Amino acid sequence: MGNNVGEYVQMLSKQKFPFKNTRIYNQDQTVEFYNKSSRIILYDKQRQMQKEKASSEIIEQSKGILRLEIRPSVSDVKKFSVTKNAIELLNKSFFEYMTGRVLNEFKYPSSESLMDLSWLMENRENISKIETVLGFQLLQSIFDEPALRQLYTPSTYANRKNLAKKIAIPQGDCLDRLAINS
């Protein structure tokens, strides 16, 4: 992540996951999404090493690393191993399943919009849909999912989410999507 580890932790600390609570530790060094059965923890590895007073070499090596820990639920584990044997879980398919589910949930807010009049003119047949998406995105940035679900009927809420996926409003600079660096 280079010098952006702190920005990622701050961005992630504002995220909401369905059926999980969000907890922030150590002045935005660590963010945790948790419930009774599972946990997702992301933290600044360099700051952890500094706190543990590791050698300067280790601290330097950990610079720019955003560490991801996933503690899956028993239900997720049983999808890959009914007996929950570690040998059946320590494989690429389980790793990709768990990390893919987590990484695909994160939203990446943009810092600015690149939408201009020419883009709107090219898409003027969809102007009412664009207005709907912009309004829905604004509400998403203000309220959490449970609050939004109270505002809409279930079908309308699902329609708004689908419409927001279909209409790609030009976005400006934002943090790059998180990916596993092997």
N, C-alpha and C. Protein backbone atom coordinates (compact mmCIF):
# COMPACT_ATOMS: atom_id res chain seq x y z
N MET A 1 0.81 -1.20 0.00
CA MET A 1 0.00 0.00 0.00
C MET A 1 0.85 1.26 0.00
N GLY A 2 2.15 1.10 0.13
CA GLY A 2 3.03 2.26 0.16
C GLY A 2 2.74 3.15 1.35
N ASN A 3 2.63 4.43 1.10
CA ASN A 3 2.36 5.40 2.17
C ASN A 3 0.87 5.53 2.48
N ASN A 4 0.02 4.75 1.82
CA ASN A 4 -1.43 4.90 1.97
C ASN A 4 -2.06 3.97 3.00
N VAL A 5 -1.27 3.26 3.78
CA VAL A 5 -1.83 2.29 4.72
C VAL A 5 -2.81 2.98 5.68
N GLY A 6 -2.42 4.11 6.23
CA GLY A 6 -3.31 4.84 7.15
C GLY A 6 -4.61 5.27 6.48
N GLU A 7 -4.51 5.70 5.22
CA GLU A 7 -5.71 6.10 4.49
C GLU A 7 -6.65 4.92 4.28
N TYR A 8 -6.08 3.75 3.98
CA TYR A 8 -6.91 2.55 3.81
C TYR A 8 -7.60 2.19 5.12
N VAL A 9 -6.86 2.24 6.23
CA VAL A 9 -7.47 1.90 7.53
C VAL A 9 -8.59 2.87 7.84
N GLN A 10 -8.39 4.16 7.57
CA GLN A 10 -9.44 5.15 7.81
C GLN A 10 -10.65 4.90 6.91
N MET A 11 -10.40 4.63 5.63
CA MET A 11 -11.49 4.35 4.70
C MET A 11 -12.26 3.11 5.13
N LEU A 12 -11.53 2.07 5.51
CA LEU A 12 -12.17 0.83 5.92
C LEU A 12 -12.94 0.98 7.23
N SER A 13 -12.47 1.85 8.11
CA SER A 13 -13.15 2.04 9.40
C SER A 13 -14.53 2.65 9.23
N LYS A 14 -14.80 3.25 8.09
CA LYS A 14 -16.12 3.84 7.82
C LYS A 14 -17.05 2.86 7.12
N GLN A 15 -16.55 1.67 6.80
CA GLN A 15 -17.35 0.68 6.09
C GLN A 15 -18.31 -0.02 7.05
N LYS A 16 -19.39 -0.48 6.51
CA LYS A 16 -20.37 -1.26 7.27
C LYS A 16 -20.59 -2.57 6.53
N PHE A 17 -20.51 -3.66 7.26
CA PHE A 17 -20.79 -4.98 6.71
C PHE A 17 -22.13 -5.45 7.25
N PRO A 18 -22.92 -6.14 6.42
CA PRO A 18 -24.16 -6.68 6.95
C PRO A 18 -23.85 -7.71 8.05
N PHE A 19 -24.57 -7.62 9.12
CA PHE A 19 -24.48 -8.57 10.24
C PHE A 19 -23.13 -8.55 10.96
N LYS A 20 -22.36 -7.47 10.82
CA LYS A 20 -21.09 -7.35 11.54
C LYS A 20 -21.00 -5.95 12.16
N ASN A 21 -20.36 -5.89 13.31
CA ASN A 21 -20.07 -4.62 13.95
C ASN A 21 -18.67 -4.17 13.52
N THR A 22 -18.41 -2.88 13.63
CA THR A 22 -17.10 -2.33 13.27
C THR A 22 -16.45 -1.77 14.53
N ARG A 23 -15.18 -2.08 14.72
CA ARG A 23 -14.43 -1.60 15.87
C ARG A 23 -13.09 -1.07 15.36
N ILE A 24 -12.66 0.09 15.90
CA ILE A 24 -11.39 0.70 15.52
C ILE A 24 -10.50 0.73 16.75
N TYR A 25 -9.23 0.33 16.58
CA TYR A 25 -8.27 0.31 17.68
C TYR A 25 -7.10 1.24 17.39
N ASN A 26 -6.45 1.70 18.44
CA ASN A 26 -5.14 2.37 18.37
C ASN A 26 -5.08 3.52 17.38
N GLN A 27 -5.92 4.49 17.54
CA GLN A 27 -5.93 5.68 16.68
C GLN A 27 -5.91 5.31 15.20
N ASP A 28 -6.86 4.52 14.78
CA ASP A 28 -7.02 4.12 13.38
C ASP A 28 -5.86 3.30 12.82
N GLN A 29 -5.23 2.51 13.67
CA GLN A 29 -4.21 1.58 13.18
C GLN A 29 -4.84 0.25 12.78
N THR A 30 -5.96 -0.08 13.41
CA THR A 30 -6.59 -1.38 13.22
C THR A 30 -8.09 -1.20 13.09
N VAL A 31 -8.69 -1.92 12.15
CA VAL A 31 -10.15 -1.94 12.03
C VAL A 31 -10.57 -3.41 12.04
N GLU A 32 -11.64 -3.67 12.78
CA GLU A 32 -12.14 -5.03 12.92
C GLU A 32 -13.63 -5.05 12.62
N PHE A 33 -14.03 -6.03 11.81
CA PHE A 33 -15.45 -6.29 11.54
C PHE A 33 -15.74 -7.63 12.20
N TYR A 34 -16.74 -7.66 13.07
CA TYR A 34 -16.92 -8.87 13.85
C TYR A 34 -18.39 -9.14 14.16
N ASN A 35 -18.65 -10.38 14.46
CA ASN A 35 -19.90 -10.80 15.08
C ASN A 35 -19.56 -12.00 15.95
N LYS A 36 -20.55 -12.73 16.44
CA LYS A 36 -20.27 -13.84 17.35
C LYS A 36 -19.50 -14.97 16.68
N SER A 37 -19.63 -15.11 15.37
CA SER A 37 -19.06 -16.29 14.72
C SER A 37 -17.81 -16.03 13.87
N SER A 38 -17.53 -14.79 13.48
CA SER A 38 -16.38 -14.55 12.61
C SER A 38 -15.81 -13.15 12.82
N ARG A 39 -14.57 -12.97 12.33
CA ARG A 39 -13.89 -11.68 12.43
C ARG A 39 -13.07 -11.43 11.17
N ILE A 40 -13.00 -10.15 10.80
CA ILE A 40 -12.12 -9.68 9.74
C ILE A 40 -11.33 -8.53 10.35
N ILE A 41 -10.01 -8.64 10.34
CA ILE A 41 -9.17 -7.63 10.98
C ILE A 41 -8.15 -7.13 9.95
N LEU A 42 -8.05 -5.81 9.84
CA LEU A 42 -7.04 -5.20 8.96
C LEU A 42 -6.25 -4.21 9.80
N TYR A 43 -4.93 -4.23 9.63
CA TYR A 43 -4.11 -3.31 10.43
C TYR A 43 -2.80 -2.97 9.74
N ASP A 44 -2.21 -1.88 10.21
CA ASP A 44 -0.94 -1.37 9.72
C ASP A 44 0.17 -2.20 10.34
N LYS A 45 0.80 -3.05 9.55
CA LYS A 45 1.83 -3.96 10.06
C LYS A 45 3.04 -3.21 10.61
N GLN A 46 3.45 -2.13 9.96
CA GLN A 46 4.61 -1.38 10.43
C GLN A 46 4.36 -0.80 11.83
N ARG A 47 3.20 -0.24 12.04
CA ARG A 47 2.89 0.34 13.35
C ARG A 47 2.81 -0.74 14.42
N GLN A 48 2.34 -1.94 14.04
CA GLN A 48 2.33 -3.04 14.99
C GLN A 48 3.76 -3.41 15.38
N MET A 49 4.65 -3.49 14.39
CA MET A 49 6.04 -3.85 14.66
C MET A 49 6.73 -2.79 15.52
N GLN A 50 6.40 -1.52 15.27
CA GLN A 50 6.97 -0.45 16.09
C GLN A 50 6.49 -0.58 17.54
N LYS A 51 5.21 -0.89 17.69
CA LYS A 51 4.64 -1.03 19.03
C LYS A 51 5.26 -2.21 19.77
N GLU A 52 5.59 -3.27 19.04
CA GLU A 52 6.22 -4.44 19.64
C GLU A 52 7.73 -4.29 19.77
N LYS A 53 8.24 -3.11 19.38
CA LYS A 53 9.67 -2.81 19.46
C LYS A 53 10.53 -3.84 18.73
N ALA A 54 10.11 -4.15 17.51
CA ALA A 54 10.87 -5.08 16.65
C ALA A 54 12.14 -4.38 16.17
N SER A 55 13.03 -5.14 15.58
CA SER A 55 14.28 -4.57 15.07
C SER A 55 13.97 -3.58 13.95
N SER A 56 14.89 -2.66 13.73
CA SER A 56 14.68 -1.65 12.69
C SER A 56 14.56 -2.30 11.31
N GLU A 57 15.23 -3.41 11.10
CA GLU A 57 15.14 -4.13 9.83
C GLU A 57 13.72 -4.68 9.61
N ILE A 58 13.14 -5.27 10.63
CA ILE A 58 11.77 -5.81 10.54
C ILE A 58 10.78 -4.66 10.34
N ILE A 59 10.97 -3.58 11.06
CA ILE A 59 10.07 -2.42 10.92
C ILE A 59 10.13 -1.89 9.49
N GLU A 60 11.32 -1.80 8.92
CA GLU A 60 11.47 -1.31 7.55
C GLU A 60 10.80 -2.27 6.56
N GLN A 61 10.94 -3.58 6.77
CA GLN A 61 10.33 -4.57 5.88
C GLN A 61 8.80 -4.52 5.95
N SER A 62 8.27 -4.14 7.08
CA SER A 62 6.81 -4.12 7.25
C SER A 62 6.18 -2.81 6.75
N LYS A 63 7.00 -1.88 6.31
CA LYS A 63 6.50 -0.59 5.83
C LYS A 63 5.60 -0.79 4.61
N GLY A 64 4.43 -0.17 4.65
CA GLY A 64 3.51 -0.22 3.52
C GLY A 64 2.66 -1.47 3.46
N ILE A 65 2.69 -2.30 4.51
CA ILE A 65 1.90 -3.54 4.51
C ILE A 65 0.61 -3.34 5.30
N LEU A 66 -0.50 -3.60 4.64
CA LEU A 66 -1.80 -3.63 5.30
C LEU A 66 -2.12 -5.10 5.52
N ARG A 67 -2.11 -5.52 6.76
CA ARG A 67 -2.29 -6.94 7.09
C ARG A 67 -3.77 -7.26 7.19
N LEU A 68 -4.17 -8.39 6.61
CA LEU A 68 -5.55 -8.87 6.64
C LEU A 68 -5.58 -10.20 7.37
N GLU A 69 -6.41 -10.29 8.39
CA GLU A 69 -6.65 -11.55 9.10
C GLU A 69 -8.12 -11.87 8.99
N ILE A 70 -8.41 -13.09 8.64
CA ILE A 70 -9.80 -13.53 8.56
C ILE A 70 -9.95 -14.72 9.50
N ARG A 71 -10.89 -14.61 10.41
CA ARG A 71 -11.22 -15.72 11.30
C ARG A 71 -12.62 -16.17 10.91
N PRO A 72 -12.68 -17.20 10.07
CA PRO A 72 -13.97 -17.59 9.49
C PRO A 72 -14.92 -18.24 10.49
N SER A 73 -16.17 -18.22 10.13
CA SER A 73 -17.18 -18.89 10.95
C SER A 73 -17.09 -20.39 10.75
N VAL A 74 -17.64 -21.13 11.69
CA VAL A 74 -17.67 -22.59 11.59
C VAL A 74 -18.42 -23.00 10.32
N SER A 75 -19.45 -22.26 9.99
CA SER A 75 -20.23 -22.55 8.79
C SER A 75 -19.36 -22.45 7.53
N ASP A 76 -18.54 -21.41 7.43
CA ASP A 76 -17.64 -21.28 6.27
C ASP A 76 -16.61 -22.39 6.24
N VAL A 77 -16.08 -22.73 7.38
CA VAL A 77 -15.08 -23.79 7.46
C VAL A 77 -15.69 -25.13 7.02
N LYS A 78 -16.91 -25.40 7.46
CA LYS A 78 -17.55 -26.68 7.12
C LYS A 78 -17.87 -26.81 5.64
N LYS A 79 -17.92 -25.70 4.91
CA LYS A 79 -18.13 -25.77 3.47
C LYS A 79 -16.95 -26.44 2.77
N PHE A 80 -15.78 -26.38 3.42
CA PHE A 80 -14.58 -26.97 2.83
C PHE A 80 -14.11 -28.22 3.56
N SER A 81 -14.52 -28.37 4.81
CA SER A 81 -14.11 -29.54 5.57
C SER A 81 -15.13 -29.83 6.67
N VAL A 82 -15.89 -30.88 6.49
CA VAL A 82 -16.90 -31.25 7.48
C VAL A 82 -16.24 -31.55 8.82
N THR A 83 -15.07 -32.14 8.77
CA THR A 83 -14.36 -32.50 10.00
C THR A 83 -13.50 -31.36 10.54
N LYS A 84 -13.39 -30.27 9.82
CA LYS A 84 -12.61 -29.09 10.19
C LYS A 84 -11.13 -29.40 10.36
N ASN A 85 -10.61 -30.32 9.55
CA ASN A 85 -9.19 -30.66 9.57
C ASN A 85 -8.39 -29.55 8.89
N ALA A 86 -7.33 -29.13 9.55
CA ALA A 86 -6.50 -28.06 9.01
C ALA A 86 -5.94 -28.42 7.65
N ILE A 87 -5.57 -29.67 7.46
CA ILE A 87 -4.98 -30.09 6.18
C ILE A 87 -5.94 -29.87 5.01
N GLU A 88 -7.23 -29.93 5.28
CA GLU A 88 -8.23 -29.71 4.23
C GLU A 88 -8.51 -28.23 4.02
N LEU A 89 -8.10 -27.39 4.97
CA LEU A 89 -8.38 -25.96 4.89
C LEU A 89 -7.17 -25.14 4.43
N LEU A 90 -6.00 -25.67 4.58
CA LEU A 90 -4.79 -24.95 4.17
C LEU A 90 -4.50 -25.21 2.70
N ASN A 91 -5.37 -24.62 1.87
CA ASN A 91 -5.19 -24.78 0.43
C ASN A 91 -5.64 -23.51 -0.29
N LYS A 92 -5.29 -23.44 -1.54
CA LYS A 92 -5.55 -22.25 -2.34
C LYS A 92 -7.05 -21.95 -2.49
N SER A 93 -7.86 -22.98 -2.67
CA SER A 93 -9.29 -22.74 -2.91
C SER A 93 -9.97 -22.13 -1.68
N PHE A 94 -9.63 -22.62 -0.49
CA PHE A 94 -10.21 -22.04 0.72
C PHE A 94 -9.71 -20.60 0.91
N PHE A 95 -8.42 -20.37 0.68
CA PHE A 95 -7.84 -19.04 0.78
C PHE A 95 -8.54 -18.06 -0.16
N GLU A 96 -8.68 -18.46 -1.43
CA GLU A 96 -9.32 -17.59 -2.42
C GLU A 96 -10.79 -17.35 -2.09
N TYR A 97 -11.48 -18.37 -1.61
CA TYR A 97 -12.88 -18.23 -1.22
C TYR A 97 -13.03 -17.18 -0.11
N MET A 98 -12.24 -17.32 0.95
CA MET A 98 -12.36 -16.41 2.10
C MET A 98 -11.91 -14.99 1.76
N THR A 99 -10.75 -14.84 1.13
CA THR A 99 -10.26 -13.49 0.83
C THR A 99 -11.12 -12.82 -0.23
N GLY A 100 -11.58 -13.59 -1.22
CA GLY A 100 -12.44 -13.02 -2.26
C GLY A 100 -13.72 -12.46 -1.69
N ARG A 101 -14.34 -13.20 -0.78
CA ARG A 101 -15.58 -12.73 -0.16
C ARG A 101 -15.35 -11.43 0.58
N VAL A 102 -14.25 -11.33 1.29
CA VAL A 102 -13.97 -10.13 2.07
C VAL A 102 -13.62 -8.95 1.17
N LEU A 103 -12.68 -9.14 0.27
CA LEU A 103 -12.21 -8.03 -0.57
C LEU A 103 -13.30 -7.49 -1.48
N ASN A 104 -14.23 -8.32 -1.90
CA ASN A 104 -15.32 -7.86 -2.77
C ASN A 104 -16.36 -7.04 -2.02
N GLU A 105 -16.36 -7.08 -0.72
CA GLU A 105 -17.32 -6.32 0.08
C GLU A 105 -16.93 -4.86 0.27
N PHE A 106 -15.65 -4.54 0.12
CA PHE A 106 -15.20 -3.18 0.39
C PHE A 106 -15.66 -2.22 -0.70
N LYS A 107 -16.05 -1.03 -0.28
CA LYS A 107 -16.45 0.03 -1.20
C LYS A 107 -15.34 1.07 -1.21
N TYR A 108 -15.10 1.66 -2.36
CA TYR A 108 -14.01 2.61 -2.54
C TYR A 108 -14.58 3.96 -2.94
N PRO A 109 -14.81 4.83 -1.97
CA PRO A 109 -15.38 6.14 -2.31
C PRO A 109 -14.39 6.99 -3.07
N SER A 110 -14.90 7.75 -4.01
CA SER A 110 -14.01 8.62 -4.78
C SER A 110 -13.90 9.97 -4.09
N SER A 111 -12.84 10.67 -4.39
CA SER A 111 -12.64 11.98 -3.78
C SER A 111 -13.29 13.08 -4.62
N GLU A 112 -13.54 12.78 -5.86
CA GLU A 112 -14.17 13.77 -6.72
C GLU A 112 -14.88 13.07 -7.86
N SER A 113 -15.84 13.72 -8.43
CA SER A 113 -16.57 13.15 -9.57
C SER A 113 -16.06 13.77 -10.86
N LEU A 114 -15.92 12.94 -11.87
CA LEU A 114 -15.50 13.44 -13.18
C LEU A 114 -16.69 13.63 -14.11
N MET A 115 -17.90 13.55 -13.55
CA MET A 115 -19.09 13.72 -14.36
C MET A 115 -19.14 15.17 -14.85
N ASP A 116 -19.34 15.34 -16.14
CA ASP A 116 -19.46 16.68 -16.68
C ASP A 116 -20.65 16.71 -17.64
N LEU A 117 -20.92 17.87 -18.18
CA LEU A 117 -22.09 18.04 -19.05
C LEU A 117 -22.01 17.15 -20.29
N SER A 118 -20.81 16.99 -20.85
CA SER A 118 -20.71 16.15 -22.06
C SER A 118 -21.09 14.70 -21.75
N TRP A 119 -20.68 14.19 -20.57
CA TRP A 119 -21.05 12.82 -20.20
C TRP A 119 -22.57 12.72 -20.00
N LEU A 120 -23.14 13.74 -19.38
CA LEU A 120 -24.59 13.75 -19.19
C LEU A 120 -25.33 13.82 -20.52
N MET A 121 -24.82 14.61 -21.46
CA MET A 121 -25.46 14.71 -22.78
C MET A 121 -25.40 13.37 -23.51
N GLU A 122 -24.29 12.66 -23.38
CA GLU A 122 -24.17 11.34 -24.00
C GLU A 122 -25.14 10.33 -23.40
N ASN A 123 -25.52 10.57 -22.16
CA ASN A 123 -26.38 9.63 -21.43
C ASN A 123 -27.72 10.24 -21.06
N ARG A 124 -28.17 11.24 -21.82
CA ARG A 124 -29.38 11.96 -21.43
C ARG A 124 -30.64 11.10 -21.46
N GLU A 125 -30.64 9.99 -22.23
CA GLU A 125 -31.82 9.11 -22.21
C GLU A 125 -31.97 8.41 -20.86
N ASN A 126 -30.89 8.41 -20.06
CA ASN A 126 -30.92 7.78 -18.74
C ASN A 126 -30.86 8.81 -17.60
N ILE A 127 -31.18 10.06 -17.89
CA ILE A 127 -30.98 11.11 -16.89
C ILE A 127 -31.78 10.85 -15.61
N SER A 128 -32.99 10.35 -15.72
CA SER A 128 -33.77 10.09 -14.50
C SER A 128 -33.14 8.95 -13.69
N LYS A 129 -32.58 7.95 -14.38
CA LYS A 129 -31.90 6.86 -13.67
C LYS A 129 -30.62 7.38 -13.01
N ILE A 130 -29.91 8.27 -13.72
CA ILE A 130 -28.69 8.86 -13.15
C ILE A 130 -29.03 9.65 -11.90
N GLU A 131 -30.10 10.43 -11.95
CA GLU A 131 -30.54 11.18 -10.77
C GLU A 131 -30.87 10.24 -9.62
N THR A 132 -31.54 9.14 -9.92
CA THR A 132 -31.90 8.16 -8.90
C THR A 132 -30.64 7.57 -8.27
N VAL A 133 -29.66 7.18 -9.10
CA VAL A 133 -28.42 6.60 -8.59
C VAL A 133 -27.67 7.61 -7.73
N LEU A 134 -27.57 8.86 -8.20
CA LEU A 134 -26.86 9.89 -7.43
C LEU A 134 -27.52 10.11 -6.07
N GLY A 135 -28.84 10.16 -6.06
CA GLY A 135 -29.56 10.32 -4.79
C GLY A 135 -29.34 9.13 -3.87
N PHE A 136 -29.40 7.95 -4.43
CA PHE A 136 -29.20 6.73 -3.64
C PHE A 136 -27.77 6.67 -3.09
N GLN A 137 -26.78 7.04 -3.92
CA GLN A 137 -25.39 7.04 -3.46
C GLN A 137 -25.18 8.05 -2.33
N LEU A 138 -25.84 9.19 -2.44
CA LEU A 138 -25.74 10.19 -1.37
C LEU A 138 -26.31 9.62 -0.07
N LEU A 139 -27.47 8.99 -0.16
CA LEU A 139 -28.08 8.39 1.03
C LEU A 139 -27.18 7.29 1.60
N GLN A 140 -26.54 6.50 0.74
CA GLN A 140 -25.63 5.45 1.20
C GLN A 140 -24.43 6.03 1.94
N SER A 141 -23.98 7.20 1.52
CA SER A 141 -22.83 7.81 2.17
C SER A 141 -23.20 8.40 3.53
N ILE A 142 -24.49 8.65 3.76
CA ILE A 142 -24.93 9.26 5.01
C ILE A 142 -25.44 8.22 6.00
N PHE A 143 -26.22 7.24 5.50
CA PHE A 143 -26.88 6.28 6.38
C PHE A 143 -26.33 4.88 6.18
N ASP A 144 -26.44 4.07 7.22
CA ASP A 144 -26.02 2.67 7.09
C ASP A 144 -27.14 1.85 6.47
N GLU A 145 -26.82 0.62 6.11
CA GLU A 145 -27.77 -0.24 5.39
C GLU A 145 -29.07 -0.47 6.15
N PRO A 146 -29.05 -0.75 7.45
CA PRO A 146 -30.33 -0.95 8.16
C PRO A 146 -31.26 0.27 8.09
N ALA A 147 -30.68 1.45 8.16
CA ALA A 147 -31.49 2.67 8.07
C ALA A 147 -32.09 2.80 6.67
N LEU A 148 -31.29 2.51 5.63
CA LEU A 148 -31.80 2.60 4.26
C LEU A 148 -32.91 1.58 4.02
N ARG A 149 -32.76 0.41 4.59
CA ARG A 149 -33.79 -0.63 4.40
C ARG A 149 -35.12 -0.20 5.02
N GLN A 150 -35.07 0.67 6.02
CA GLN A 150 -36.30 1.19 6.61
C GLN A 150 -36.97 2.21 5.70
N LEU A 151 -36.16 2.90 4.88
CA LEU A 151 -36.70 3.92 3.98
C LEU A 151 -37.42 3.33 2.77
N TYR A 152 -36.92 2.19 2.29
CA TYR A 152 -37.42 1.60 1.05
C TYR A 152 -38.14 0.28 1.32
N THR A 153 -39.01 -0.07 0.40
CA THR A 153 -39.54 -1.43 0.43
C THR A 153 -38.41 -2.35 0.00
N PRO A 154 -38.47 -3.64 0.34
CA PRO A 154 -37.38 -4.54 -0.05
C PRO A 154 -37.12 -4.56 -1.55
N SER A 155 -38.17 -4.54 -2.35
CA SER A 155 -37.96 -4.59 -3.80
C SER A 155 -37.35 -3.28 -4.32
N THR A 156 -37.76 -2.15 -3.80
CA THR A 156 -37.20 -0.88 -4.23
C THR A 156 -35.73 -0.78 -3.84
N TYR A 157 -35.41 -1.22 -2.63
CA TYR A 157 -34.02 -1.20 -2.19
C TYR A 157 -33.15 -2.06 -3.11
N ALA A 158 -33.62 -3.26 -3.43
CA ALA A 158 -32.88 -4.15 -4.34
C ALA A 158 -32.74 -3.51 -5.72
N ASN A 159 -33.80 -2.86 -6.21
CA ASN A 159 -33.74 -2.18 -7.50
C ASN A 159 -32.71 -1.05 -7.50
N ARG A 160 -32.66 -0.27 -6.42
CA ARG A 160 -31.68 0.83 -6.33
C ARG A 160 -30.26 0.28 -6.35
N LYS A 161 -30.01 -0.79 -5.61
CA LYS A 161 -28.67 -1.39 -5.58
C LYS A 161 -28.28 -1.92 -6.96
N ASN A 162 -29.21 -2.56 -7.64
CA ASN A 162 -28.93 -3.07 -8.99
C ASN A 162 -28.69 -1.94 -9.98
N LEU A 163 -29.49 -0.89 -9.89
CA LEU A 163 -29.32 0.25 -10.78
C LEU A 163 -27.96 0.91 -10.57
N ALA A 164 -27.55 1.03 -9.31
CA ALA A 164 -26.25 1.62 -9.01
C ALA A 164 -25.11 0.80 -9.59
N LYS A 165 -25.29 -0.50 -9.72
CA LYS A 165 -24.26 -1.35 -10.33
C LYS A 165 -24.25 -1.19 -11.85
N LYS A 166 -25.42 -0.96 -12.44
CA LYS A 166 -25.54 -0.87 -13.90
C LYS A 166 -25.05 0.46 -14.46
N ILE A 167 -25.31 1.54 -13.74
CA ILE A 167 -24.94 2.87 -14.24
C ILE A 167 -23.63 3.28 -13.58
N ALA A 168 -22.58 3.33 -14.36
CA ALA A 168 -21.26 3.70 -13.85
C ALA A 168 -21.06 5.20 -14.00
N ILE A 169 -21.24 5.92 -12.94
CA ILE A 169 -21.03 7.36 -12.95
C ILE A 169 -19.52 7.61 -12.85
N PRO A 170 -18.95 8.42 -13.73
CA PRO A 170 -17.50 8.64 -13.71
C PRO A 170 -17.03 9.14 -12.36
N GLN A 171 -15.98 8.50 -11.85
CA GLN A 171 -15.44 8.86 -10.55
C GLN A 171 -14.01 9.33 -10.71
N GLY A 172 -13.59 10.14 -9.79
CA GLY A 172 -12.23 10.65 -9.81
C GLY A 172 -11.28 9.77 -9.01
N ASP A 173 -10.26 10.39 -8.46
CA ASP A 173 -9.24 9.66 -7.73
C ASP A 173 -9.83 8.97 -6.51
N CYS A 174 -9.44 7.73 -6.32
CA CYS A 174 -9.78 7.01 -5.11
C CYS A 174 -8.66 6.02 -4.84
N LEU A 175 -8.71 5.42 -3.70
CA LEU A 175 -7.70 4.42 -3.37
C LEU A 175 -7.87 3.21 -4.28
N ASP A 176 -6.77 2.57 -4.63
CA ASP A 176 -6.83 1.37 -5.45
C ASP A 176 -7.54 0.26 -4.69
N ARG A 177 -8.16 -0.65 -5.44
CA ARG A 177 -8.82 -1.79 -4.84
C ARG A 177 -7.78 -2.65 -4.13
N LEU A 178 -8.15 -3.18 -2.99
CA LEU A 178 -7.26 -4.06 -2.26
C LEU A 178 -7.13 -5.40 -2.99
N ALA A 179 -5.93 -5.93 -3.00
CA ALA A 179 -5.67 -7.23 -3.61
C ALA A 179 -4.57 -7.92 -2.81
N ILE A 180 -4.53 -9.22 -2.89
CA ILE A 180 -3.52 -9.99 -2.19
C ILE A 180 -2.23 -9.95 -3.00
N ASN A 181 -1.15 -9.61 -2.33
CA ASN A 181 0.17 -9.56 -2.97
C ASN A 181 0.94 -10.79 -2.53
N SER A 182 1.15 -11.70 -3.47
CA SER A 182 1.80 -12.96 -3.09
C SER A 182 3.29 -12.92 -3.22
